[in-house]
Amino acid sequence: GVGLSVHGQFRVATEKCLFAMPETAIGLFPDVGGGYFLPRLQGKLGYFLALTGFRLKGRDVYRAGIATHFVDSEKLAMLEEDLLALKSPSKENIASVLENYHTESKIDRDKSFILEEHMDKINSCFSANTVEEIIENLQQDGSSFALEQLKVINKMSPTSLKITLRQLMEGSSKTLQEVLTMEYRLSQACMRGHDFHEGVRAVLIDKDQSPKWKPADLKEVTEEDLNNHFKSLGSSDLKF
């Protein structure tokens, strides 16, 4: 659902909404344009979400900047009727209708963003240019939050972690079309590799939750390995 909705101008979340980009847990990377929208979230929030697969629910999806509006789920049918009834469905008129419903919603309005108290740590720890440095930052921080994220990251595919960090760093200055071309290259490389097949087996098929990553250690994922994931496919590149 993320890939279909997140690139739209208007993105509505409800209290039933769940957002996560858990791809590093299955040997993949945050695809569907994740390399475009994630690095554009506040601070280093997108990097944190991409590397850890942290789940956001309900109004927090709006507070994170992923959704543009929050509406009670029981009001969706009425919202749809009001949008369809617009005689002039301009951006301004659509925004006005959405804003009215957004303003009326009281669900979790007084609760703070679930990651609010941790944003300074996230911005500090995830500002590093390598996964190894991010891990070192989390270790040095030593808070219960930092150590919990460290525990999560250590379970992820080392290759996926390095691919994902570079994907977001490069995607931060690319157009959406350029990002999608980059992600197509990454997807083809992951299909040829070991970790995606192993991750799907461990998480979705056998469900033993014990993937055997290859390489199993970050230091074994070389710069050459990464470059091979990102290199052009020539005539086989994604075409728009």
Protein backbone atom coordinates (compact mmCIF):
# COMPACT_ATOMS: atom_id res chain seq x y z
CA GLY A 1 0.00 0.00 0.00
CA VAL A 2 2.88 2.37 0.73
CA GLY A 3 4.16 2.32 -2.84
CA LEU A 4 0.73 3.20 -4.25
CA SER A 5 -0.06 6.01 -1.84
CA VAL A 6 3.08 7.63 -0.49
CA HIS A 7 3.95 9.51 -3.68
CA GLY A 8 0.50 11.09 -3.96
CA GLN A 9 -0.13 14.73 -3.14
CA PHE A 10 -2.82 13.82 -0.59
CA ARG A 11 -2.19 10.90 1.77
CA VAL A 12 -4.84 10.10 4.36
CA ALA A 13 -4.16 7.99 7.46
CA THR A 14 -6.70 6.65 9.97
CA GLU A 15 -6.40 5.12 13.43
CA LYS A 16 -6.21 1.72 11.72
CA CYS A 17 -3.24 2.67 9.56
CA LEU A 18 0.07 0.81 9.90
CA PHE A 19 3.28 1.91 8.22
CA ALA A 20 6.54 -0.02 8.10
CA MET A 21 9.42 -0.62 5.71
CA PRO A 22 10.72 -3.96 7.05
CA GLU A 23 12.65 -5.03 3.95
CA THR A 24 16.09 -5.28 5.59
CA ALA A 25 14.67 -8.21 7.58
CA ILE A 26 14.13 -10.21 4.39
CA GLY A 27 17.34 -9.34 2.59
CA LEU A 28 15.85 -6.60 0.45
CA PHE A 29 15.72 -2.77 0.71
CA PRO A 30 12.93 -0.16 1.08
CA ASP A 31 11.69 -0.28 -2.50
CA VAL A 32 8.66 1.42 -4.15
CA GLY A 33 10.50 4.73 -4.07
CA GLY A 34 11.66 4.46 -0.47
CA GLY A 35 14.95 5.93 -1.57
CA TYR A 36 13.07 9.10 -2.50
CA PHE A 37 10.60 9.78 0.31
CA LEU A 38 12.44 8.33 3.32
CA PRO A 39 15.48 10.65 3.24
CA ARG A 40 13.10 13.59 2.89
CA LEU A 41 11.38 12.98 6.24
CA GLN A 42 12.34 15.12 9.23
CA GLY A 43 15.94 14.77 10.40
CA LYS A 44 17.18 11.21 10.13
CA LEU A 45 13.77 9.65 10.78
CA GLY A 46 13.64 8.02 7.35
CA TYR A 47 17.04 6.42 7.80
CA PHE A 48 15.92 5.05 11.16
CA LEU A 49 12.68 3.64 9.72
CA ALA A 50 14.51 2.11 6.75
CA LEU A 51 17.24 0.36 8.72
CA THR A 52 15.15 -0.86 11.67
CA GLY A 53 11.74 -1.49 10.09
CA PHE A 54 10.14 0.37 13.04
CA ARG A 55 6.34 0.39 12.84
CA LEU A 56 4.28 3.55 12.97
CA LYS A 57 0.56 3.38 13.71
CA GLY A 58 -2.42 5.69 13.36
CA ARG A 59 -1.82 9.39 13.87
CA ASP A 60 1.94 8.78 14.14
CA VAL A 61 1.97 8.09 10.39
CA TYR A 62 0.73 11.66 9.98
CA ARG A 63 3.08 13.09 12.59
CA ALA A 64 6.03 11.49 10.82
CA GLY A 65 5.11 13.37 7.65
CA ILE A 66 4.22 10.24 5.72
CA ALA A 67 0.50 11.06 5.61
CA THR A 68 -0.74 14.58 4.90
CA HIS A 69 -4.02 14.23 6.79
CA PHE A 70 -5.56 12.14 9.59
CA VAL A 71 -9.24 11.16 9.41
CA ASP A 72 -11.37 8.88 11.61
CA SER A 73 -11.93 5.60 9.76
CA GLU A 74 -15.68 5.81 10.38
CA LYS A 75 -15.74 9.08 8.43
CA LEU A 76 -14.05 7.74 5.28
CA ALA A 77 -17.32 7.02 3.46
CA MET A 78 -18.55 10.55 4.15
CA LEU A 79 -15.21 11.98 3.07
CA GLU A 80 -15.42 10.07 -0.18
CA GLU A 81 -18.93 11.38 -0.82
CA ASP A 82 -17.85 14.97 -0.18
CA LEU A 83 -14.89 14.62 -2.52
CA LEU A 84 -17.04 13.12 -5.27
CA ALA A 85 -19.56 15.93 -4.82
CA LEU A 86 -17.00 18.63 -5.60
CA LYS A 87 -18.06 20.51 -8.73
CA SER A 88 -14.52 21.76 -9.18
CA PRO A 89 -12.08 19.15 -7.83
CA SER A 90 -9.09 21.48 -7.80
CA LYS A 91 -6.14 20.86 -5.50
CA GLU A 92 -7.32 23.71 -3.31
CA ASN A 93 -10.87 22.39 -2.99
CA ILE A 94 -9.69 18.85 -2.28
CA ALA A 95 -7.28 20.16 0.34
CA SER A 96 -10.08 22.17 1.95
CA VAL A 97 -12.35 19.11 2.32
CA LEU A 98 -9.52 16.99 3.69
CA GLU A 99 -8.51 19.72 6.12
CA ASN A 100 -12.06 19.94 7.50
CA TYR A 101 -12.12 16.22 8.28
CA HIS A 102 -8.58 16.34 9.61
CA THR A 103 -9.44 19.20 11.96
CA GLU A 104 -12.57 17.42 13.23
CA SER A 105 -10.71 14.25 14.23
CA LYS A 106 -10.02 13.93 17.95
CA ILE A 107 -8.51 10.43 18.01
CA ASP A 108 -5.09 10.56 19.71
CA ARG A 109 -4.95 14.29 19.06
CA ASP A 110 -3.42 15.00 22.46
CA LYS A 111 -0.83 12.23 22.32
CA SER A 112 2.70 13.13 21.30
CA PHE A 113 4.58 11.46 18.44
CA ILE A 114 5.76 8.03 19.61
CA LEU A 115 9.35 8.85 18.62
CA GLU A 116 9.32 12.47 19.81
CA GLU A 117 11.45 11.86 22.90
CA HIS A 118 13.93 9.83 20.86
CA MET A 119 14.36 12.15 17.86
CA ASP A 120 17.57 13.72 19.17
CA LYS A 121 19.10 10.26 19.53
CA ILE A 122 17.84 9.21 16.11
CA ASN A 123 19.23 12.34 14.46
CA SER A 124 22.55 11.90 16.20
CA CYS A 125 23.06 8.15 15.84
CA PHE A 126 21.73 7.80 12.29
CA SER A 127 23.62 10.77 10.84
CA ALA A 128 26.70 8.61 10.22
CA ASN A 129 27.79 7.75 6.70
CA THR A 130 28.31 4.03 7.32
CA VAL A 131 26.27 1.32 9.02
CA GLU A 132 29.28 0.48 11.18
CA GLU A 133 29.37 4.06 12.48
CA ILE A 134 25.63 4.01 13.17
CA ILE A 135 26.09 0.85 15.22
CA GLU A 136 29.00 2.44 17.07
CA ASN A 137 26.88 5.51 17.79
CA LEU A 138 24.09 3.36 19.23
CA GLN A 139 26.57 1.46 21.39
CA GLN A 140 28.10 4.67 22.69
CA ASP A 141 24.69 6.18 23.41
CA GLY A 142 23.89 3.21 25.62
CA SER A 143 20.28 4.19 26.37
CA SER A 144 17.61 1.50 26.47
CA PHE A 145 16.15 2.89 23.24
CA ALA A 146 19.52 2.86 21.45
CA LEU A 147 20.34 -0.65 22.62
CA GLU A 148 16.93 -1.92 21.50
CA GLN A 149 17.51 -0.51 18.01
CA LEU A 150 20.99 -2.04 18.01
CA LYS A 151 19.46 -5.41 18.81
CA VAL A 152 17.04 -5.04 15.91
CA ILE A 153 19.68 -3.92 13.40
CA ASN A 154 21.98 -6.80 14.31
CA LYS A 155 19.29 -9.23 13.11
CA MET A 156 19.05 -7.65 9.67
CA SER A 157 20.86 -8.69 6.49
CA PRO A 158 24.28 -6.99 6.55
CA THR A 159 24.13 -6.58 2.78
CA SER A 160 20.65 -5.06 2.95
CA LEU A 161 21.72 -2.62 5.65
CA LYS A 162 24.59 -1.30 3.56
CA ILE A 163 22.52 -1.17 0.38
CA THR A 164 19.73 0.67 2.19
CA LEU A 165 21.94 3.34 3.73
CA ARG A 166 23.58 4.08 0.38
CA GLN A 167 20.19 3.99 -1.36
CA LEU A 168 18.84 6.72 0.92
CA MET A 169 22.00 8.81 0.82
CA GLU A 170 22.03 8.78 -2.98
CA GLY A 171 18.26 9.11 -3.23
CA SER A 172 18.24 12.29 -1.16
CA SER A 173 19.49 14.26 -4.17
CA LYS A 174 17.82 12.29 -6.99
CA THR A 175 14.48 12.75 -8.72
CA LEU A 176 11.80 10.13 -8.15
CA GLN A 177 12.40 8.75 -11.64
CA GLU A 178 16.13 8.45 -10.96
CA VAL A 179 15.41 6.72 -7.65
CA LEU A 180 13.09 4.20 -9.28
CA THR A 181 15.76 3.43 -11.87
CA MET A 182 18.28 2.91 -9.06
CA GLU A 183 15.88 0.68 -7.15
CA TYR A 184 15.20 -1.43 -10.22
CA ARG A 185 18.93 -2.10 -10.45
CA LEU A 186 19.00 -2.99 -6.76
CA SER A 187 16.03 -5.34 -7.11
CA GLN A 188 17.67 -7.23 -9.96
CA ALA A 189 20.89 -7.59 -7.97
CA CYS A 190 18.99 -8.82 -4.90
CA MET A 191 17.17 -11.41 -7.01
CA ARG A 192 20.52 -12.76 -8.14
CA GLY A 193 21.91 -12.80 -4.61
CA HIS A 194 21.44 -15.05 -1.58
CA ASP A 195 19.89 -12.94 1.17
CA PHE A 196 16.52 -12.09 -0.40
CA HIS A 197 15.72 -15.75 -1.05
CA GLU A 198 16.92 -16.68 2.44
CA GLY A 199 15.00 -13.85 4.08
CA VAL A 200 11.74 -14.79 2.37
CA ARG A 201 12.28 -18.42 3.37
CA ALA A 202 12.95 -17.60 7.03
CA VAL A 203 10.27 -14.95 7.52
CA LEU A 204 7.47 -15.85 5.10
CA ILE A 205 7.75 -19.53 4.14
CA ASP A 206 9.30 -21.66 6.90
CA LYS A 207 8.75 -18.84 9.42
CA ASP A 208 11.63 -20.00 11.61
CA GLN A 209 12.76 -16.35 11.89
CA SER A 210 16.38 -17.51 11.70
CA PRO A 211 17.84 -16.40 8.36
CA LYS A 212 21.43 -17.36 7.61
CA TRP A 213 22.82 -14.29 5.92
CA LYS A 214 25.71 -14.45 3.46
CA PRO A 215 27.88 -12.56 4.18
CA ALA A 216 26.96 -12.79 7.85
CA ASP A 217 29.05 -9.82 8.96
CA LEU A 218 29.06 -6.18 7.89
CA LYS A 219 32.81 -6.10 7.39
CA GLU A 220 32.48 -8.88 4.81
CA VAL A 221 30.22 -6.72 2.62
CA THR A 222 32.77 -4.98 0.41
CA GLU A 223 32.59 -1.75 -1.54
CA GLU A 224 32.81 -3.84 -4.70
CA ASP A 225 29.74 -5.81 -3.60
CA LEU A 226 27.82 -2.57 -3.12
CA ASN A 227 28.97 -1.08 -6.41
CA ASN A 228 27.77 -4.19 -8.23
CA HIS A 229 24.29 -3.67 -6.80
CA PHE A 230 24.13 -0.06 -7.99
CA LYS A 231 25.75 -0.34 -11.42
CA SER A 232 23.84 0.40 -14.61
CA LEU A 233 22.09 -2.44 -16.40
CA GLY A 234 22.66 -0.79 -19.76
CA SER A 235 19.95 -1.65 -22.26
CA SER A 236 18.17 -3.65 -19.53
CA ASP A 237 17.73 -0.61 -17.28
CA LEU A 238 14.23 0.48 -16.26
CA LYS A 239 12.52 2.48 -19.00
CA PHE A 240 9.76 5.03 -18.45
